[in-house]
Amino acid sequence: MSKANPLKQIVAKQKKGEAVGIYSCCSANEYVIEAVLETAKKENSCALIEATANQVDQNGGSRSISAISYMRSPRKSV
């Protein structure tokens, strides 16, 4: 994508009738996150990565991942 805001570009394409969207996941699994990032990069798109409060929280959540660790993990994949 160009340097313009990628989400605004997607909206503009949708308004022109193009079927476009973003790659997204709601996971704390590093393999899922890596797959979403790789696919978005390959398709010259962007990615949305989320986690639920029980997966990631200040105490480590059910996956023993703190919010800071979760935020840093996708940056290692890019």
N, C-alpha and C. Protein backbone atom coordinates (compact mmCIF):
# COMPACT_ATOMS: atom_id res chain seq x y z
N MET A 1 0.83 -1.18 0.00
CA MET A 1 0.00 0.00 0.00
C MET A 1 0.88 1.25 0.00
N SER A 2 0.33 2.30 -0.50
CA SER A 2 1.10 3.55 -0.51
C SER A 2 1.16 4.14 0.89
N LYS A 3 1.75 5.31 1.00
CA LYS A 3 1.92 5.94 2.31
C LYS A 3 0.64 6.54 2.87
N ALA A 4 -0.41 6.62 2.05
CA ALA A 4 -1.70 7.11 2.54
C ALA A 4 -2.23 6.13 3.59
N ASN A 5 -3.12 6.61 4.43
CA ASN A 5 -3.70 5.77 5.48
C ASN A 5 -4.33 4.52 4.84
N PRO A 6 -3.84 3.33 5.20
CA PRO A 6 -4.33 2.11 4.55
C PRO A 6 -5.82 1.86 4.80
N LEU A 7 -6.33 2.23 5.95
CA LEU A 7 -7.75 2.00 6.22
C LEU A 7 -8.61 2.92 5.36
N LYS A 8 -8.15 4.16 5.16
CA LYS A 8 -8.88 5.08 4.29
C LYS A 8 -8.84 4.59 2.84
N GLN A 9 -7.73 3.99 2.44
CA GLN A 9 -7.64 3.44 1.09
C GLN A 9 -8.63 2.29 0.91
N ILE A 10 -8.77 1.46 1.93
CA ILE A 10 -9.71 0.34 1.85
C ILE A 10 -11.14 0.85 1.73
N VAL A 11 -11.48 1.85 2.54
CA VAL A 11 -12.83 2.43 2.47
C VAL A 11 -13.09 3.01 1.09
N ALA A 12 -12.12 3.73 0.54
CA ALA A 12 -12.27 4.32 -0.80
C ALA A 12 -12.50 3.23 -1.85
N LYS A 13 -11.75 2.13 -1.75
CA LYS A 13 -11.93 1.02 -2.70
C LYS A 13 -13.30 0.39 -2.55
N GLN A 14 -13.76 0.23 -1.30
CA GLN A 14 -15.08 -0.35 -1.07
C GLN A 14 -16.17 0.53 -1.66
N LYS A 15 -16.00 1.85 -1.54
CA LYS A 15 -16.99 2.78 -2.10
C LYS A 15 -17.03 2.72 -3.62
N LYS A 16 -15.94 2.27 -4.22
CA LYS A 16 -15.89 2.09 -5.68
C LYS A 16 -16.44 0.72 -6.09
N GLY A 17 -16.84 -0.07 -5.11
CA GLY A 17 -17.40 -1.38 -5.41
C GLY A 17 -16.42 -2.53 -5.35
N GLU A 18 -15.17 -2.25 -4.99
CA GLU A 18 -14.17 -3.32 -4.88
C GLU A 18 -14.40 -4.11 -3.59
N ALA A 19 -14.25 -5.41 -3.67
CA ALA A 19 -14.38 -6.27 -2.50
C ALA A 19 -13.03 -6.38 -1.81
N VAL A 20 -12.78 -5.49 -0.86
CA VAL A 20 -11.52 -5.50 -0.12
C VAL A 20 -11.80 -5.43 1.37
N GLY A 21 -10.83 -5.84 2.15
CA GLY A 21 -10.95 -5.79 3.60
C GLY A 21 -9.57 -5.90 4.21
N ILE A 22 -9.52 -6.18 5.50
CA ILE A 22 -8.23 -6.35 6.17
C ILE A 22 -8.17 -7.75 6.77
N TYR A 23 -6.96 -8.21 6.99
CA TYR A 23 -6.75 -9.49 7.65
C TYR A 23 -6.78 -9.24 9.14
N SER A 24 -7.51 -10.08 9.86
CA SER A 24 -7.62 -9.86 11.30
C SER A 24 -7.67 -11.19 12.04
N CYS A 25 -7.32 -11.11 13.32
CA CYS A 25 -7.43 -12.28 14.19
C CYS A 25 -7.62 -11.81 15.62
N CYS A 26 -8.23 -12.65 16.40
CA CYS A 26 -8.36 -12.42 17.83
C CYS A 26 -7.72 -13.63 18.49
N SER A 27 -6.42 -13.52 18.72
CA SER A 27 -5.67 -14.66 19.22
C SER A 27 -4.42 -14.19 19.94
N ALA A 28 -3.97 -14.98 20.88
CA ALA A 28 -2.69 -14.74 21.52
C ALA A 28 -1.67 -15.77 21.06
N ASN A 29 -2.06 -16.61 20.11
CA ASN A 29 -1.18 -17.65 19.59
C ASN A 29 -0.20 -17.04 18.59
N GLU A 30 1.08 -17.20 18.85
CA GLU A 30 2.09 -16.57 18.00
C GLU A 30 2.05 -17.06 16.56
N TYR A 31 1.64 -18.30 16.32
CA TYR A 31 1.59 -18.83 14.96
C TYR A 31 0.43 -18.20 14.18
N VAL A 32 -0.68 -17.99 14.86
CA VAL A 32 -1.84 -17.34 14.22
C VAL A 32 -1.48 -15.90 13.87
N ILE A 33 -0.87 -15.20 14.81
CA ILE A 33 -0.48 -13.81 14.58
C ILE A 33 0.52 -13.72 13.42
N GLU A 34 1.49 -14.61 13.42
CA GLU A 34 2.49 -14.62 12.35
C GLU A 34 1.83 -14.88 10.99
N ALA A 35 0.88 -15.81 10.94
CA ALA A 35 0.19 -16.12 9.68
C ALA A 35 -0.59 -14.92 9.17
N VAL A 36 -1.28 -14.22 10.06
CA VAL A 36 -2.04 -13.03 9.66
C VAL A 36 -1.10 -11.95 9.13
N LEU A 37 0.00 -11.71 9.82
CA LEU A 37 0.95 -10.69 9.38
C LEU A 37 1.58 -11.06 8.04
N GLU A 38 1.96 -12.31 7.88
CA GLU A 38 2.57 -12.75 6.62
C GLU A 38 1.60 -12.61 5.46
N THR A 39 0.35 -12.99 5.68
CA THR A 39 -0.66 -12.91 4.62
C THR A 39 -0.94 -11.46 4.26
N ALA A 40 -1.09 -10.61 5.25
CA ALA A 40 -1.34 -9.19 4.98
C ALA A 40 -0.19 -8.58 4.20
N LYS A 41 1.02 -8.92 4.59
CA LYS A 41 2.19 -8.39 3.90
C LYS A 41 2.24 -8.89 2.46
N LYS A 42 1.99 -10.19 2.28
CA LYS A 42 2.01 -10.80 0.94
C LYS A 42 0.96 -10.16 0.03
N GLU A 43 -0.19 -9.83 0.58
CA GLU A 43 -1.29 -9.25 -0.18
C GLU A 43 -1.22 -7.72 -0.22
N ASN A 44 -0.15 -7.14 0.31
CA ASN A 44 0.03 -5.69 0.36
C ASN A 44 -1.16 -5.02 1.05
N SER A 45 -1.55 -5.58 2.18
CA SER A 45 -2.69 -5.09 2.94
C SER A 45 -2.24 -4.76 4.36
N CYS A 46 -3.18 -4.65 5.27
CA CYS A 46 -2.83 -4.40 6.67
C CYS A 46 -3.51 -5.45 7.53
N ALA A 47 -3.16 -5.47 8.81
CA ALA A 47 -3.69 -6.49 9.72
C ALA A 47 -4.21 -5.85 10.99
N LEU A 48 -5.22 -6.48 11.56
CA LEU A 48 -5.78 -6.09 12.85
C LEU A 48 -5.60 -7.28 13.78
N ILE A 49 -4.91 -7.07 14.89
CA ILE A 49 -4.65 -8.15 15.84
C ILE A 49 -5.22 -7.74 17.19
N GLU A 50 -6.04 -8.62 17.75
CA GLU A 50 -6.68 -8.36 19.03
C GLU A 50 -6.52 -9.57 19.94
N ALA A 51 -6.79 -9.36 21.21
CA ALA A 51 -6.86 -10.46 22.17
C ALA A 51 -7.94 -10.11 23.18
N THR A 52 -8.60 -11.12 23.70
CA THR A 52 -9.60 -10.87 24.72
C THR A 52 -8.93 -10.67 26.07
N ALA A 53 -9.65 -10.07 26.99
CA ALA A 53 -9.09 -9.76 28.31
C ALA A 53 -8.66 -11.02 29.07
N ASN A 54 -9.31 -12.16 28.79
CA ASN A 54 -8.90 -13.36 29.52
C ASN A 54 -7.67 -14.02 28.89
N GLN A 55 -7.30 -13.62 27.66
CA GLN A 55 -6.08 -14.14 27.04
C GLN A 55 -4.85 -13.36 27.50
N VAL A 56 -5.02 -12.05 27.60
CA VAL A 56 -3.90 -11.16 27.90
C VAL A 56 -4.38 -10.12 28.90
N ASP A 57 -3.69 -9.99 30.02
CA ASP A 57 -3.99 -8.91 30.96
C ASP A 57 -2.75 -8.57 31.76
N GLN A 58 -2.87 -7.62 32.65
CA GLN A 58 -1.69 -7.17 33.41
C GLN A 58 -1.07 -8.27 34.26
N ASN A 59 -1.85 -9.32 34.56
CA ASN A 59 -1.34 -10.43 35.36
C ASN A 59 -0.93 -11.63 34.51
N GLY A 60 -1.00 -11.50 33.21
CA GLY A 60 -0.59 -12.58 32.33
C GLY A 60 -1.72 -13.32 31.67
N GLY A 61 -2.95 -13.16 32.14
CA GLY A 61 -4.10 -13.82 31.51
C GLY A 61 -3.97 -15.33 31.50
N SER A 62 -4.88 -15.98 30.80
CA SER A 62 -4.89 -17.45 30.76
C SER A 62 -3.72 -18.01 29.96
N ARG A 63 -3.09 -17.19 29.12
CA ARG A 63 -1.96 -17.64 28.31
C ARG A 63 -0.62 -17.23 28.92
N SER A 64 -0.65 -16.63 30.10
CA SER A 64 0.56 -16.15 30.78
C SER A 64 1.31 -15.13 29.93
N ILE A 65 0.56 -14.25 29.28
CA ILE A 65 1.15 -13.20 28.45
C ILE A 65 0.67 -11.86 28.98
N SER A 66 1.61 -10.99 29.29
CA SER A 66 1.23 -9.65 29.72
C SER A 66 0.88 -8.81 28.50
N ALA A 67 0.19 -7.72 28.73
CA ALA A 67 -0.20 -6.84 27.63
C ALA A 67 1.03 -6.31 26.89
N ILE A 68 2.08 -5.99 27.61
CA ILE A 68 3.30 -5.47 26.99
C ILE A 68 3.95 -6.54 26.12
N SER A 69 4.04 -7.76 26.62
CA SER A 69 4.61 -8.86 25.82
C SER A 69 3.79 -9.12 24.58
N TYR A 70 2.46 -9.06 24.72
CA TYR A 70 1.57 -9.28 23.58
C TYR A 70 1.78 -8.20 22.53
N MET A 71 1.90 -6.96 22.96
CA MET A 71 2.10 -5.85 22.04
C MET A 71 3.43 -5.98 21.28
N ARG A 72 4.44 -6.46 21.96
CA ARG A 72 5.76 -6.57 21.33
C ARG A 72 5.88 -7.78 20.41
N SER A 73 5.11 -8.84 20.63
CA SER A 73 5.29 -10.07 19.86
C SER A 73 5.06 -9.89 18.36
N PRO A 74 4.03 -9.18 17.90
CA PRO A 74 3.89 -9.03 16.44
C PRO A 74 5.03 -8.24 15.81
N ARG A 75 5.62 -7.35 16.55
CA ARG A 75 6.71 -6.54 16.02
C ARG A 75 7.93 -7.40 15.67
N LYS A 76 8.08 -8.52 16.33
CA LYS A 76 9.18 -9.44 16.04
C LYS A 76 8.95 -10.14 14.71
N SER A 77 7.67 -10.32 14.34
CA SER A 77 7.31 -11.06 13.13
C SER A 77 7.41 -10.23 11.85
N VAL A 78 7.37 -8.92 11.98
CA VAL A 78 7.30 -8.07 10.80
C VAL A 78 8.68 -7.79 10.26
